Amino acid sequence: MSHLSQVSAIRKTNVKRCTDPGASSCFTSRKKILTFIITKLLRLKNTIIDKTLTYASETWTLTKRHRKQLNIFESKVYRRILGPVYDNEKENWRILTNQEIYASVKKPTIIETIRLNRLRWFGHVQRMEENMIPKRILYMNLETTGRRGRPRNRWQDEVKDDGRSS
């Protein structure tokens, strides 16, 4: 018996085994494997991508454009990890919406994480002694003239907004 005929016979038995009425074990084992892989990829995203992306984020001031770019990146990563889902009603594959992604992941968004990091750093600086450099810099008043146009958002303004929204 040639190698190709052996492979063909193995495939036929696997197909027959998975199409039998009692073949739910075949599909449940595949589902368990996929669930295991997805949980490992989500853990990898949480430990590597999130930590790299939010490094020193407690000192950032974010514009609307930055927030949008971060949200888009995070959604793309989640969609790549979770993959498409089969819609039984329409009988086709589709991608997950943002609401479905965050409902299944149950983690704060990257913007929320940055906001919490900023508040944590602010609390840390507040508890410092008055003569410490970070605290002196935080409350330093520079006597300069401003630029023309709308002033840029300052870090302290972001912290105030973060405190209001929490």
N, C-alpha and C. Protein backbone atom coordinates (compact mmCIF):
# COMPACT_ATOMS: atom_id res chain seq x y z
N MET A 1 0.85 -1.17 0.00
CA MET A 1 0.00 0.00 0.00
C MET A 1 0.90 1.24 0.00
N SER A 2 0.60 2.17 -0.88
CA SER A 2 1.45 3.36 -0.98
C SER A 2 1.12 4.34 0.14
N HIS A 3 1.99 5.30 0.28
CA HIS A 3 1.84 6.30 1.34
C HIS A 3 0.57 7.13 1.13
N LEU A 4 0.28 7.51 -0.13
CA LEU A 4 -0.92 8.31 -0.41
C LEU A 4 -2.19 7.56 -0.07
N SER A 5 -2.22 6.30 -0.34
CA SER A 5 -3.43 5.54 -0.03
C SER A 5 -3.59 5.39 1.48
N GLN A 6 -2.49 5.31 2.22
CA GLN A 6 -2.58 5.25 3.68
C GLN A 6 -3.14 6.56 4.24
N VAL A 7 -2.64 7.67 3.72
CA VAL A 7 -3.13 8.98 4.16
C VAL A 7 -4.61 9.13 3.83
N SER A 8 -4.99 8.69 2.64
CA SER A 8 -6.39 8.76 2.23
C SER A 8 -7.27 7.92 3.14
N ALA A 9 -6.80 6.73 3.51
CA ALA A 9 -7.57 5.86 4.40
C ALA A 9 -7.71 6.50 5.79
N ILE A 10 -6.65 7.13 6.28
CA ILE A 10 -6.71 7.79 7.59
C ILE A 10 -7.70 8.95 7.55
N ARG A 11 -7.67 9.73 6.47
CA ARG A 11 -8.60 10.85 6.34
C ARG A 11 -10.04 10.36 6.32
N LYS A 12 -10.29 9.27 5.57
CA LYS A 12 -11.65 8.73 5.49
C LYS A 12 -12.14 8.29 6.86
N THR A 13 -11.27 7.65 7.63
CA THR A 13 -11.71 7.21 8.96
C THR A 13 -11.94 8.41 9.88
N ASN A 14 -11.09 9.45 9.77
CA ASN A 14 -11.28 10.65 10.59
C ASN A 14 -12.57 11.37 10.21
N VAL A 15 -12.85 11.47 8.90
CA VAL A 15 -14.08 12.11 8.45
C VAL A 15 -15.28 11.31 8.92
N LYS A 16 -15.19 9.99 8.78
CA LYS A 16 -16.29 9.12 9.21
C LYS A 16 -16.51 9.25 10.72
N ARG A 17 -15.42 9.27 11.47
CA ARG A 17 -15.52 9.38 12.93
C ARG A 17 -16.14 10.72 13.33
N CYS A 18 -15.80 11.80 12.61
CA CYS A 18 -16.31 13.12 12.97
C CYS A 18 -17.70 13.40 12.42
N THR A 19 -18.18 12.59 11.47
CA THR A 19 -19.52 12.81 10.94
C THR A 19 -20.54 11.84 11.51
N ASP A 20 -20.13 10.90 12.32
CA ASP A 20 -21.08 10.00 12.97
C ASP A 20 -21.96 10.78 13.93
N PRO A 21 -23.16 10.25 14.23
CA PRO A 21 -24.03 10.96 15.17
C PRO A 21 -23.41 11.16 16.55
N GLY A 22 -22.57 10.26 16.97
CA GLY A 22 -21.94 10.40 18.29
C GLY A 22 -20.59 11.08 18.22
N ALA A 23 -20.38 11.90 17.19
CA ALA A 23 -19.07 12.50 16.98
C ALA A 23 -18.92 13.84 17.67
N SER A 24 -19.75 14.12 18.63
CA SER A 24 -19.65 15.42 19.30
C SER A 24 -18.32 15.55 20.04
N SER A 25 -17.73 14.42 20.41
CA SER A 25 -16.44 14.48 21.10
C SER A 25 -15.36 15.06 20.21
N CYS A 26 -15.46 14.79 18.90
CA CYS A 26 -14.48 15.35 17.95
C CYS A 26 -14.56 16.87 17.94
N PHE A 27 -15.78 17.39 17.89
CA PHE A 27 -15.95 18.84 17.85
C PHE A 27 -15.68 19.50 19.20
N THR A 28 -16.03 18.82 20.27
CA THR A 28 -15.75 19.41 21.59
C THR A 28 -14.26 19.45 21.86
N SER A 29 -13.52 18.44 21.38
CA SER A 29 -12.08 18.48 21.59
C SER A 29 -11.46 19.60 20.77
N ARG A 30 -11.97 19.85 19.56
CA ARG A 30 -11.47 20.97 18.76
C ARG A 30 -11.80 22.29 19.44
N LYS A 31 -13.00 22.38 20.00
CA LYS A 31 -13.41 23.60 20.69
C LYS A 31 -12.52 23.84 21.91
N LYS A 32 -12.19 22.78 22.64
CA LYS A 32 -11.31 22.92 23.80
C LYS A 32 -9.93 23.41 23.38
N ILE A 33 -9.43 22.87 22.28
CA ILE A 33 -8.11 23.28 21.79
C ILE A 33 -8.14 24.75 21.39
N LEU A 34 -9.19 25.17 20.65
CA LEU A 34 -9.30 26.57 20.24
C LEU A 34 -9.43 27.49 21.45
N THR A 35 -10.21 27.08 22.43
CA THR A 35 -10.36 27.89 23.65
C THR A 35 -9.02 28.03 24.36
N PHE A 36 -8.27 26.94 24.43
CA PHE A 36 -6.96 26.96 25.08
C PHE A 36 -6.02 27.92 24.34
N ILE A 37 -6.01 27.85 23.02
CA ILE A 37 -5.13 28.72 22.22
C ILE A 37 -5.52 30.18 22.39
N ILE A 38 -6.83 30.46 22.37
CA ILE A 38 -7.30 31.85 22.51
C ILE A 38 -6.93 32.41 23.88
N THR A 39 -7.08 31.60 24.95
CA THR A 39 -6.72 32.09 26.28
C THR A 39 -5.22 32.36 26.38
N LYS A 40 -4.41 31.51 25.75
CA LYS A 40 -2.96 31.75 25.76
C LYS A 40 -2.61 33.02 25.00
N LEU A 41 -3.25 33.25 23.85
CA LEU A 41 -2.98 34.45 23.07
C LEU A 41 -3.43 35.71 23.81
N LEU A 42 -4.57 35.63 24.49
CA LEU A 42 -5.03 36.79 25.27
C LEU A 42 -4.07 37.07 26.42
N ARG A 43 -3.56 36.03 27.06
CA ARG A 43 -2.60 36.23 28.13
C ARG A 43 -1.32 36.86 27.58
N LEU A 44 -0.90 36.42 26.40
CA LEU A 44 0.29 36.98 25.75
C LEU A 44 0.06 38.46 25.44
N LYS A 45 -1.14 38.79 24.95
CA LYS A 45 -1.46 40.19 24.65
C LYS A 45 -1.40 41.02 25.93
N ASN A 46 -1.95 40.49 27.01
CA ASN A 46 -1.97 41.24 28.27
C ASN A 46 -0.58 41.44 28.84
N THR A 47 0.29 40.45 28.70
CA THR A 47 1.61 40.56 29.33
C THR A 47 2.62 41.29 28.47
N ILE A 48 2.57 41.13 27.17
CA ILE A 48 3.61 41.74 26.33
C ILE A 48 3.12 43.00 25.63
N ILE A 49 2.04 42.89 24.88
CA ILE A 49 1.60 44.02 24.07
C ILE A 49 1.13 45.17 24.95
N ASP A 50 0.29 44.89 25.94
CA ASP A 50 -0.23 45.96 26.80
C ASP A 50 0.88 46.65 27.58
N LYS A 51 1.81 45.87 28.11
CA LYS A 51 2.90 46.46 28.91
C LYS A 51 3.79 47.32 28.03
N THR A 52 4.07 46.85 26.81
CA THR A 52 4.91 47.63 25.90
C THR A 52 4.20 48.89 25.44
N LEU A 53 2.92 48.74 25.15
CA LEU A 53 2.14 49.86 24.63
C LEU A 53 1.94 50.96 25.68
N THR A 54 1.80 50.58 26.94
CA THR A 54 1.52 51.57 27.98
C THR A 54 2.74 51.94 28.80
N TYR A 55 3.93 51.63 28.32
CA TYR A 55 5.14 51.98 29.05
C TYR A 55 5.22 53.50 29.22
N ALA A 56 5.36 53.96 30.44
CA ALA A 56 5.46 55.38 30.80
C ALA A 56 4.20 56.16 30.42
N SER A 57 3.07 55.48 30.33
CA SER A 57 1.83 56.15 29.91
C SER A 57 1.28 57.08 30.98
N GLU A 58 1.79 56.96 32.20
CA GLU A 58 1.30 57.85 33.26
C GLU A 58 1.71 59.29 33.02
N THR A 59 2.64 59.53 32.12
CA THR A 59 3.10 60.90 31.85
C THR A 59 2.55 61.45 30.53
N TRP A 60 1.71 60.70 29.85
CA TRP A 60 1.20 61.12 28.55
C TRP A 60 0.01 62.07 28.68
N THR A 61 -0.11 62.94 27.70
CA THR A 61 -1.36 63.66 27.48
C THR A 61 -1.86 63.21 26.11
N LEU A 62 -3.07 62.70 26.06
CA LEU A 62 -3.59 62.11 24.83
C LEU A 62 -4.55 63.07 24.13
N THR A 63 -4.39 63.16 22.82
CA THR A 63 -5.34 63.91 22.01
C THR A 63 -6.42 62.94 21.53
N LYS A 64 -7.46 63.48 20.90
CA LYS A 64 -8.52 62.62 20.35
C LYS A 64 -7.94 61.66 19.32
N ARG A 65 -7.02 62.15 18.53
CA ARG A 65 -6.40 61.33 17.48
C ARG A 65 -5.64 60.16 18.10
N HIS A 66 -4.88 60.43 19.17
CA HIS A 66 -4.13 59.36 19.84
C HIS A 66 -5.07 58.33 20.44
N ARG A 67 -6.15 58.80 21.06
CA ARG A 67 -7.13 57.88 21.66
C ARG A 67 -7.74 56.97 20.59
N LYS A 68 -8.09 57.58 19.47
CA LYS A 68 -8.69 56.81 18.37
C LYS A 68 -7.71 55.77 17.84
N GLN A 69 -6.45 56.16 17.65
CA GLN A 69 -5.44 55.23 17.14
C GLN A 69 -5.21 54.07 18.11
N LEU A 70 -5.17 54.37 19.40
CA LEU A 70 -4.99 53.30 20.39
C LEU A 70 -6.18 52.35 20.41
N ASN A 71 -7.39 52.90 20.33
CA ASN A 71 -8.58 52.05 20.30
C ASN A 71 -8.61 51.17 19.05
N ILE A 72 -8.24 51.72 17.92
CA ILE A 72 -8.21 50.95 16.67
C ILE A 72 -7.18 49.83 16.77
N PHE A 73 -6.01 50.14 17.29
CA PHE A 73 -4.97 49.11 17.42
C PHE A 73 -5.43 47.98 18.33
N GLU A 74 -6.02 48.34 19.46
CA GLU A 74 -6.46 47.32 20.41
C GLU A 74 -7.56 46.44 19.80
N SER A 75 -8.50 47.05 19.09
CA SER A 75 -9.56 46.27 18.44
C SER A 75 -8.99 45.33 17.39
N LYS A 76 -8.01 45.80 16.63
CA LYS A 76 -7.39 44.94 15.62
C LYS A 76 -6.71 43.74 16.26
N VAL A 77 -6.02 43.97 17.36
CA VAL A 77 -5.34 42.86 18.04
C VAL A 77 -6.36 41.84 18.55
N TYR A 78 -7.42 42.33 19.17
CA TYR A 78 -8.45 41.41 19.68
C TYR A 78 -9.13 40.66 18.54
N ARG A 79 -9.43 41.34 17.44
CA ARG A 79 -10.07 40.66 16.31
C ARG A 79 -9.15 39.60 15.72
N ARG A 80 -7.86 39.87 15.70
CA ARG A 80 -6.91 38.88 15.18
C ARG A 80 -6.87 37.66 16.09
N ILE A 81 -6.90 37.89 17.39
CA ILE A 81 -6.84 36.78 18.35
C ILE A 81 -8.14 35.99 18.35
N LEU A 82 -9.27 36.68 18.45
CA LEU A 82 -10.56 35.99 18.59
C LEU A 82 -11.08 35.43 17.27
N GLY A 83 -10.69 36.03 16.17
CA GLY A 83 -11.07 35.52 14.86
C GLY A 83 -12.53 35.78 14.53
N PRO A 84 -12.95 35.31 13.35
CA PRO A 84 -14.35 35.48 12.97
C PRO A 84 -15.25 34.51 13.73
N VAL A 85 -16.53 34.83 13.77
CA VAL A 85 -17.52 33.95 14.40
C VAL A 85 -18.57 33.59 13.37
N TYR A 86 -19.17 32.42 13.55
CA TYR A 86 -20.21 31.98 12.63
C TYR A 86 -21.55 32.47 13.13
N ASP A 87 -22.27 33.16 12.25
CA ASP A 87 -23.59 33.69 12.58
C ASP A 87 -24.63 32.69 12.10
N ASN A 88 -25.31 32.02 13.02
CA ASN A 88 -26.29 30.99 12.67
C ASN A 88 -27.51 31.56 11.97
N GLU A 89 -27.92 32.77 12.32
CA GLU A 89 -29.10 33.37 11.71
C GLU A 89 -28.87 33.66 10.22
N LYS A 90 -27.73 34.26 9.91
CA LYS A 90 -27.43 34.61 8.52
C LYS A 90 -26.65 33.51 7.80
N GLU A 91 -26.21 32.51 8.55
CA GLU A 91 -25.45 31.38 8.02
C GLU A 91 -24.21 31.83 7.26
N ASN A 92 -23.42 32.70 7.90
CA ASN A 92 -22.14 33.11 7.32
C ASN A 92 -21.20 33.54 8.43
N TRP A 93 -19.94 33.77 8.07
CA TRP A 93 -18.92 34.21 9.03
C TRP A 93 -18.90 35.72 9.06
N ARG A 94 -18.62 36.28 10.24
CA ARG A 94 -18.54 37.73 10.38
C ARG A 94 -17.50 38.04 11.45
N ILE A 95 -17.04 39.31 11.44
CA ILE A 95 -16.10 39.74 12.47
C ILE A 95 -16.89 40.26 13.67
N LEU A 96 -16.24 40.25 14.82
CA LEU A 96 -16.89 40.71 16.05
C LEU A 96 -16.96 42.23 16.10
N THR A 97 -18.02 42.75 16.68
CA THR A 97 -18.10 44.20 16.90
C THR A 97 -17.31 44.54 18.16
N ASN A 98 -17.05 45.82 18.36
CA ASN A 98 -16.29 46.24 19.54
C ASN A 98 -17.03 45.87 20.82
N GLN A 99 -18.34 46.02 20.84
CA GLN A 99 -19.11 45.68 22.03
C GLN A 99 -19.00 44.19 22.34
N GLU A 100 -19.04 43.35 21.32
CA GLU A 100 -18.90 41.90 21.53
C GLU A 100 -17.50 41.55 22.02
N ILE A 101 -16.51 42.24 21.49
CA ILE A 101 -15.13 41.97 21.90
C ILE A 101 -14.96 42.28 23.38
N TYR A 102 -15.36 43.48 23.81
CA TYR A 102 -15.14 43.87 25.20
C TYR A 102 -16.03 43.11 26.16
N ALA A 103 -17.19 42.64 25.68
CA ALA A 103 -18.05 41.81 26.53
C ALA A 103 -17.41 40.44 26.76
N SER A 104 -16.74 39.90 25.75
CA SER A 104 -16.13 38.58 25.91
C SER A 104 -14.80 38.65 26.63
N VAL A 105 -14.06 39.73 26.46
CA VAL A 105 -12.73 39.83 27.07
C VAL A 105 -12.83 40.25 28.54
N LYS A 106 -13.76 41.14 28.87
CA LYS A 106 -13.98 41.60 30.24
C LYS A 106 -12.73 42.23 30.85
N LYS A 107 -12.08 43.08 30.08
CA LYS A 107 -10.91 43.82 30.53
C LYS A 107 -11.13 45.29 30.22
N PRO A 108 -10.52 46.19 31.00
CA PRO A 108 -10.65 47.61 30.64
C PRO A 108 -9.91 47.90 29.33
N THR A 109 -10.37 48.91 28.62
CA THR A 109 -9.73 49.28 27.37
C THR A 109 -8.34 49.85 27.65
N ILE A 110 -7.57 50.03 26.61
CA ILE A 110 -6.21 50.55 26.77
C ILE A 110 -6.26 52.00 27.26
N ILE A 111 -7.30 52.75 26.85
CA ILE A 111 -7.45 54.13 27.31
C ILE A 111 -7.75 54.15 28.81
N GLU A 112 -8.60 53.22 29.26
CA GLU A 112 -8.88 53.11 30.70
C GLU A 112 -7.61 52.78 31.48
N THR A 113 -6.81 51.88 30.94
CA THR A 113 -5.55 51.51 31.60
C THR A 113 -4.62 52.70 31.72
N ILE A 114 -4.52 53.48 30.66
CA ILE A 114 -3.67 54.68 30.69
C ILE A 114 -4.20 55.68 31.72
N ARG A 115 -5.52 55.84 31.75
CA ARG A 115 -6.14 56.75 32.71
C ARG A 115 -5.84 56.32 34.15
N LEU A 116 -5.96 55.02 34.42
CA LEU A 116 -5.67 54.51 35.76
C LEU A 116 -4.19 54.66 36.12
N ASN A 117 -3.31 54.45 35.14
CA ASN A 117 -1.87 54.65 35.38
C ASN A 117 -1.58 56.10 35.74
N ARG A 118 -2.24 57.03 35.04
CA ARG A 118 -2.03 58.45 35.31
C ARG A 118 -2.49 58.82 36.71
N LEU A 119 -3.65 58.31 37.10
CA LEU A 119 -4.16 58.59 38.45
C LEU A 119 -3.27 57.96 39.52
N ARG A 120 -2.76 56.77 39.24
CA ARG A 120 -1.87 56.11 40.21
C ARG A 120 -0.59 56.93 40.40
N TRP A 121 -0.03 57.44 39.30
CA TRP A 121 1.18 58.25 39.41
C TRP A 121 0.89 59.56 40.15
N PHE A 122 -0.26 60.17 39.87
CA PHE A 122 -0.62 61.41 40.55
C PHE A 122 -0.72 61.17 42.06
N GLY A 123 -1.34 60.09 42.47
CA GLY A 123 -1.43 59.76 43.89
C GLY A 123 -0.06 59.54 44.51
N HIS A 124 0.83 58.90 43.74
CA HIS A 124 2.18 58.66 44.23
C HIS A 124 2.91 59.99 44.47
N VAL A 125 2.78 60.91 43.51
CA VAL A 125 3.44 62.22 43.65
C VAL A 125 2.82 63.00 44.80
N GLN A 126 1.52 62.92 44.97
CA GLN A 126 0.85 63.64 46.04
C GLN A 126 1.34 63.18 47.42
N ARG A 127 1.67 61.92 47.56
CA ARG A 127 2.12 61.40 48.86
C ARG A 127 3.59 61.70 49.14
N MET A 128 4.31 62.24 48.14
CA MET A 128 5.72 62.56 48.34
C MET A 128 5.87 63.76 49.28
N GLU A 129 7.07 63.89 49.84
CA GLU A 129 7.38 65.06 50.66
C GLU A 129 7.50 66.29 49.76
N GLU A 130 7.34 67.44 50.35
CA GLU A 130 7.32 68.69 49.59
C GLU A 130 8.63 68.99 48.88
N ASN A 131 9.75 68.53 49.41
CA ASN A 131 11.05 68.87 48.81
C ASN A 131 11.46 67.91 47.69
N MET A 132 10.67 66.90 47.40
CA MET A 132 11.01 65.94 46.34
C MET A 132 10.84 66.61 44.97
N ILE A 133 11.74 66.29 44.04
CA ILE A 133 11.77 66.94 42.73
C ILE A 133 10.47 66.74 41.94
N PRO A 134 9.92 65.52 41.83
CA PRO A 134 8.69 65.38 41.05
C PRO A 134 7.54 66.23 41.57
N LYS A 135 7.42 66.36 42.88
CA LYS A 135 6.34 67.15 43.43
C LYS A 135 6.59 68.64 43.19
N ARG A 136 7.83 69.08 43.29
CA ARG A 136 8.13 70.49 43.02
C ARG A 136 7.86 70.81 41.55
N ILE A 137 8.22 69.90 40.66
CA ILE A 137 7.99 70.14 39.23
C ILE A 137 6.51 70.17 38.91
N LEU A 138 5.74 69.31 39.57
CA LEU A 138 4.30 69.26 39.32
C LEU A 138 3.63 70.60 39.62
N TYR A 139 4.05 71.26 40.68
CA TYR A 139 3.42 72.51 41.08
C TYR A 139 4.23 73.74 40.69
N MET A 140 5.24 73.57 39.85
CA MET A 140 6.06 74.69 39.39
C MET A 140 5.25 75.56 38.44
N ASN A 141 5.39 76.86 38.58
CA ASN A 141 4.69 77.80 37.72
C ASN A 141 5.72 78.52 36.85
N LEU A 142 5.72 78.23 35.58
CA LEU A 142 6.67 78.86 34.67
C LEU A 142 6.09 80.17 34.16
N GLU A 143 6.86 81.21 34.24
CA GLU A 143 6.41 82.53 33.80
C GLU A 143 6.85 82.74 32.35
N THR A 144 6.05 82.19 31.43
CA THR A 144 6.35 82.38 30.01
C THR A 144 5.07 82.80 29.31
N THR A 145 5.24 83.36 28.13
CA THR A 145 4.07 83.70 27.34
C THR A 145 3.66 82.47 26.55
N GLY A 146 2.38 82.31 26.37
CA GLY A 146 1.88 81.14 25.67
C GLY A 146 1.92 81.29 24.16
N ARG A 147 1.70 80.19 23.49
CA ARG A 147 1.63 80.23 22.03
C ARG A 147 0.31 80.86 21.60
N ARG A 148 0.25 81.18 20.33
CA ARG A 148 -1.01 81.65 19.77
C ARG A 148 -1.94 80.47 19.59
N GLY A 149 -3.24 80.75 19.66
CA GLY A 149 -4.22 79.70 19.43
C GLY A 149 -4.65 79.02 20.73
N ARG A 150 -5.37 77.92 20.55
CA ARG A 150 -5.87 77.18 21.71
C ARG A 150 -4.71 76.52 22.43
N PRO A 151 -4.66 76.63 23.75
CA PRO A 151 -3.56 76.00 24.49
C PRO A 151 -3.68 74.47 24.45
N ARG A 152 -2.54 73.82 24.44
CA ARG A 152 -2.52 72.36 24.48
C ARG A 152 -3.00 71.87 25.83
N ASN A 153 -3.53 70.66 25.82
CA ASN A 153 -4.00 70.07 27.07
C ASN A 153 -2.79 69.74 27.94
N ARG A 154 -2.81 70.17 29.19
CA ARG A 154 -1.71 69.90 30.10
C ARG A 154 -1.97 68.60 30.84
N TRP A 155 -0.92 68.06 31.43
CA TRP A 155 -1.03 66.80 32.16
C TRP A 155 -1.99 66.96 33.33
N GLN A 156 -1.92 68.09 34.01
CA GLN A 156 -2.80 68.32 35.16
C GLN A 156 -4.27 68.38 34.73
N ASP A 157 -4.53 68.92 33.54
CA ASP A 157 -5.90 68.95 33.03
C ASP A 157 -6.40 67.53 32.76
N GLU A 158 -5.53 66.69 32.22
CA GLU A 158 -5.90 65.29 31.97
C GLU A 158 -6.21 64.57 33.29
N VAL A 159 -5.40 64.83 34.32
CA VAL A 159 -5.62 64.18 35.61
C VAL A 159 -6.95 64.64 36.21
N LYS A 160 -7.27 65.92 36.07
CA LYS A 160 -8.57 66.41 36.57
C LYS A 160 -9.72 65.71 35.86
N ASP A 161 -9.61 65.57 34.53
CA ASP A 161 -10.65 64.88 33.79
C ASP A 161 -10.75 63.41 34.18
N ASP A 162 -9.59 62.80 34.43
CA ASP A 162 -9.58 61.39 34.86
C ASP A 162 -10.25 61.24 36.21
N GLY A 163 -9.99 62.19 37.12
CA GLY A 163 -10.59 62.14 38.45
C GLY A 163 -12.11 62.33 38.39
N ARG A 164 -12.57 63.16 37.46
CA ARG A 164 -14.01 63.38 37.32
C ARG A 164 -14.72 62.15 36.76
N SER A 165 -14.05 61.48 35.82
CA SER A 165 -14.71 60.36 35.13
C SER A 165 -14.63 59.05 35.91
N SER A 166 -13.84 58.99 36.98
CA SER A 166 -13.75 57.72 37.72
C SER A 166 -14.76 57.62 38.82
